[in-house]
Amino acid sequence: MNSPNVLKIENDLRVLSLEELEWLLERITIQLQEKKQISDNFTAVKYMKDQLATMANDLDMQLEIAAINNELGL
């Protein structure tokens, strides 16, 4: 990635001490983990919605739901 912002950050990192770089690395790692978790959650929700849509369009599933509703008097 060679965006101007990233290149500026890379240049700015050169003046930081080892301790500052280690601290920053820890903070970046935490932010990455948080973003991955959010991304994983969105992926899981999308997958579940896709599966529900597939089930709702499945003729066998529709017949089964109709039979259950009939048994329950709905």
N, C-alpha and C. Protein backbone atom coordinates (compact mmCIF):
# COMPACT_ATOMS: atom_id res chain seq x y z
N MET A 1 0.86 -1.17 0.00
CA MET A 1 0.00 0.00 0.00
C MET A 1 0.90 1.23 0.00
N ASN A 2 0.72 2.08 -0.98
CA ASN A 2 1.62 3.23 -1.10
C ASN A 2 0.86 4.55 -1.08
N SER A 3 -0.19 4.63 -0.30
CA SER A 3 -0.91 5.89 -0.23
C SER A 3 -0.04 6.94 0.46
N PRO A 4 -0.27 8.20 0.16
CA PRO A 4 0.54 9.26 0.78
C PRO A 4 0.48 9.23 2.31
N ASN A 5 -0.68 8.90 2.85
CA ASN A 5 -0.81 8.86 4.31
C ASN A 5 0.06 7.77 4.92
N VAL A 6 0.07 6.60 4.27
CA VAL A 6 0.87 5.49 4.79
C VAL A 6 2.36 5.82 4.69
N LEU A 7 2.76 6.41 3.59
CA LEU A 7 4.17 6.79 3.43
C LEU A 7 4.59 7.83 4.47
N LYS A 8 3.69 8.76 4.78
CA LYS A 8 3.99 9.77 5.81
C LYS A 8 4.14 9.10 7.17
N ILE A 9 3.24 8.18 7.47
CA ILE A 9 3.32 7.47 8.76
C ILE A 9 4.63 6.69 8.84
N GLU A 10 4.99 6.02 7.75
CA GLU A 10 6.24 5.27 7.76
C GLU A 10 7.43 6.18 8.04
N ASN A 11 7.45 7.34 7.44
CA ASN A 11 8.54 8.29 7.70
C ASN A 11 8.52 8.81 9.13
N ASP A 12 7.32 9.06 9.66
CA ASP A 12 7.20 9.54 11.03
C ASP A 12 7.66 8.48 12.04
N LEU A 13 7.49 7.21 11.70
CA LEU A 13 7.89 6.14 12.61
C LEU A 13 9.40 6.11 12.84
N ARG A 14 10.14 6.59 11.90
CA ARG A 14 11.61 6.54 12.00
C ARG A 14 12.15 7.35 13.17
N VAL A 15 11.40 8.33 13.62
CA VAL A 15 11.90 9.17 14.72
C VAL A 15 11.47 8.65 16.09
N LEU A 16 10.64 7.64 16.13
CA LEU A 16 10.17 7.12 17.41
C LEU A 16 11.22 6.22 18.06
N SER A 17 11.19 6.20 19.37
CA SER A 17 12.09 5.32 20.12
C SER A 17 11.58 3.89 20.03
N LEU A 18 12.40 2.97 20.45
CA LEU A 18 12.02 1.56 20.47
C LEU A 18 10.78 1.36 21.35
N GLU A 19 10.75 1.98 22.51
CA GLU A 19 9.62 1.85 23.42
C GLU A 19 8.33 2.40 22.79
N GLU A 20 8.46 3.53 22.11
CA GLU A 20 7.29 4.11 21.46
C GLU A 20 6.79 3.21 20.32
N LEU A 21 7.72 2.64 19.59
CA LEU A 21 7.33 1.73 18.50
C LEU A 21 6.65 0.48 19.05
N GLU A 22 7.18 -0.05 20.15
CA GLU A 22 6.55 -1.23 20.76
C GLU A 22 5.15 -0.91 21.26
N TRP A 23 4.99 0.24 21.89
CA TRP A 23 3.67 0.66 22.37
C TRP A 23 2.71 0.79 21.19
N LEU A 24 3.18 1.45 20.15
CA LEU A 24 2.35 1.65 18.96
C LEU A 24 1.97 0.33 18.32
N LEU A 25 2.90 -0.58 18.26
CA LEU A 25 2.63 -1.90 17.69
C LEU A 25 1.56 -2.63 18.48
N GLU A 26 1.62 -2.54 19.79
CA GLU A 26 0.58 -3.14 20.64
C GLU A 26 -0.78 -2.53 20.34
N ARG A 27 -0.84 -1.22 20.23
CA ARG A 27 -2.10 -0.52 19.93
C ARG A 27 -2.64 -0.92 18.56
N ILE A 28 -1.76 -1.01 17.58
CA ILE A 28 -2.18 -1.42 16.23
C ILE A 28 -2.71 -2.85 16.25
N THR A 29 -2.03 -3.71 16.98
CA THR A 29 -2.47 -5.11 17.09
C THR A 29 -3.86 -5.20 17.69
N ILE A 30 -4.12 -4.43 18.73
CA ILE A 30 -5.44 -4.42 19.36
C ILE A 30 -6.50 -3.93 18.38
N GLN A 31 -6.20 -2.86 17.65
CA GLN A 31 -7.16 -2.33 16.69
C GLN A 31 -7.42 -3.32 15.56
N LEU A 32 -6.39 -4.02 15.11
CA LEU A 32 -6.57 -5.04 14.08
C LEU A 32 -7.48 -6.15 14.57
N GLN A 33 -7.26 -6.61 15.79
CA GLN A 33 -8.09 -7.68 16.34
C GLN A 33 -9.55 -7.23 16.45
N GLU A 34 -9.77 -5.99 16.88
CA GLU A 34 -11.13 -5.47 17.00
C GLU A 34 -11.80 -5.39 15.63
N LYS A 35 -11.08 -4.90 14.62
CA LYS A 35 -11.65 -4.79 13.27
C LYS A 35 -11.93 -6.17 12.68
N LYS A 36 -11.04 -7.13 12.93
CA LYS A 36 -11.27 -8.49 12.44
C LYS A 36 -12.52 -9.09 13.10
N GLN A 37 -12.69 -8.85 14.39
CA GLN A 37 -13.86 -9.37 15.09
C GLN A 37 -15.14 -8.79 14.51
N ILE A 38 -15.14 -7.49 14.27
CA ILE A 38 -16.31 -6.84 13.68
C ILE A 38 -16.57 -7.40 12.29
N SER A 39 -15.52 -7.56 11.51
CA SER A 39 -15.64 -8.12 10.17
C SER A 39 -16.19 -9.54 10.22
N ASP A 40 -15.67 -10.35 11.15
CA ASP A 40 -16.15 -11.72 11.30
C ASP A 40 -17.63 -11.74 11.68
N ASN A 41 -18.04 -10.82 12.55
CA ASN A 41 -19.44 -10.75 12.95
C ASN A 41 -20.34 -10.41 11.77
N PHE A 42 -19.91 -9.44 10.95
CA PHE A 42 -20.70 -9.07 9.77
C PHE A 42 -20.77 -10.23 8.79
N THR A 43 -19.67 -10.94 8.62
CA THR A 43 -19.64 -12.09 7.72
C THR A 43 -20.59 -13.17 8.22
N ALA A 44 -20.60 -13.42 9.51
CA ALA A 44 -21.49 -14.43 10.09
C ALA A 44 -22.96 -14.04 9.91
N VAL A 45 -23.27 -12.79 10.12
CA VAL A 45 -24.65 -12.32 9.96
C VAL A 45 -25.07 -12.43 8.50
N LYS A 46 -24.19 -12.05 7.58
CA LYS A 46 -24.51 -12.15 6.15
C LYS A 46 -24.73 -13.61 5.77
N TYR A 47 -23.87 -14.50 6.25
CA TYR A 47 -24.01 -15.93 5.96
C TYR A 47 -25.35 -16.45 6.47
N MET A 48 -25.70 -16.06 7.70
CA MET A 48 -26.96 -16.52 8.28
C MET A 48 -28.15 -16.00 7.47
N LYS A 49 -28.11 -14.73 7.06
CA LYS A 49 -29.19 -14.17 6.26
C LYS A 49 -29.29 -14.89 4.91
N ASP A 50 -28.16 -15.18 4.31
CA ASP A 50 -28.15 -15.91 3.04
C ASP A 50 -28.76 -17.31 3.21
N GLN A 51 -28.40 -17.97 4.30
CA GLN A 51 -28.94 -19.30 4.57
C GLN A 51 -30.45 -19.26 4.81
N LEU A 52 -30.91 -18.26 5.55
CA LEU A 52 -32.35 -18.12 5.79
C LEU A 52 -33.10 -17.83 4.50
N ALA A 53 -32.52 -17.00 3.64
CA ALA A 53 -33.15 -16.71 2.36
C ALA A 53 -33.23 -17.96 1.50
N THR A 54 -32.17 -18.76 1.51
CA THR A 54 -32.17 -20.01 0.76
C THR A 54 -33.23 -20.96 1.29
N MET A 55 -33.33 -21.06 2.60
CA MET A 55 -34.34 -21.93 3.20
C MET A 55 -35.75 -21.44 2.88
N ALA A 56 -35.95 -20.14 2.91
CA ALA A 56 -37.28 -19.58 2.65
C ALA A 56 -37.72 -19.85 1.21
N ASN A 57 -36.76 -19.97 0.30
CA ASN A 57 -37.08 -20.21 -1.10
C ASN A 57 -37.10 -21.69 -1.47
N ASP A 58 -36.78 -22.56 -0.52
CA ASP A 58 -36.73 -23.99 -0.77
C ASP A 58 -38.14 -24.58 -0.66
N LEU A 59 -38.59 -25.25 -1.74
CA LEU A 59 -39.95 -25.79 -1.78
C LEU A 59 -40.18 -26.82 -0.68
N ASP A 60 -39.22 -27.71 -0.44
CA ASP A 60 -39.37 -28.70 0.63
C ASP A 60 -39.52 -28.03 1.99
N MET A 61 -38.76 -26.98 2.20
CA MET A 61 -38.84 -26.24 3.47
C MET A 61 -40.21 -25.58 3.60
N GLN A 62 -40.70 -24.99 2.52
CA GLN A 62 -42.02 -24.35 2.55
C GLN A 62 -43.11 -25.36 2.85
N LEU A 63 -43.01 -26.56 2.26
CA LEU A 63 -44.00 -27.61 2.52
C LEU A 63 -43.94 -28.06 3.98
N GLU A 64 -42.75 -28.20 4.50
CA GLU A 64 -42.58 -28.61 5.90
C GLU A 64 -43.16 -27.56 6.85
N ILE A 65 -42.89 -26.30 6.58
CA ILE A 65 -43.42 -25.22 7.43
C ILE A 65 -44.94 -25.20 7.35
N ALA A 66 -45.49 -25.40 6.16
CA ALA A 66 -46.94 -25.43 5.99
C ALA A 66 -47.54 -26.59 6.78
N ALA A 67 -46.88 -27.77 6.75
CA ALA A 67 -47.37 -28.92 7.50
C ALA A 67 -47.33 -28.65 9.00
N ILE A 68 -46.27 -28.04 9.47
CA ILE A 68 -46.15 -27.70 10.90
C ILE A 68 -47.25 -26.71 11.28
N ASN A 69 -47.43 -25.68 10.46
CA ASN A 69 -48.47 -24.69 10.74
C ASN A 69 -49.84 -25.35 10.77
N ASN A 70 -50.09 -26.30 9.87
CA ASN A 70 -51.37 -27.01 9.82
C ASN A 70 -51.58 -27.82 11.10
N GLU A 71 -50.51 -28.50 11.54
CA GLU A 71 -50.60 -29.29 12.78
C GLU A 71 -50.89 -28.41 13.99
N LEU A 72 -50.34 -27.21 13.98
CA LEU A 72 -50.54 -26.30 15.10
C LEU A 72 -51.81 -25.47 14.97
N GLY A 73 -52.49 -25.64 13.85
CA GLY A 73 -53.74 -24.90 13.63
C GLY A 73 -53.50 -23.42 13.33
N LEU A 74 -52.39 -23.13 12.73
CA LEU A 74 -52.08 -21.73 12.40
C LEU A 74 -52.51 -21.40 11.00
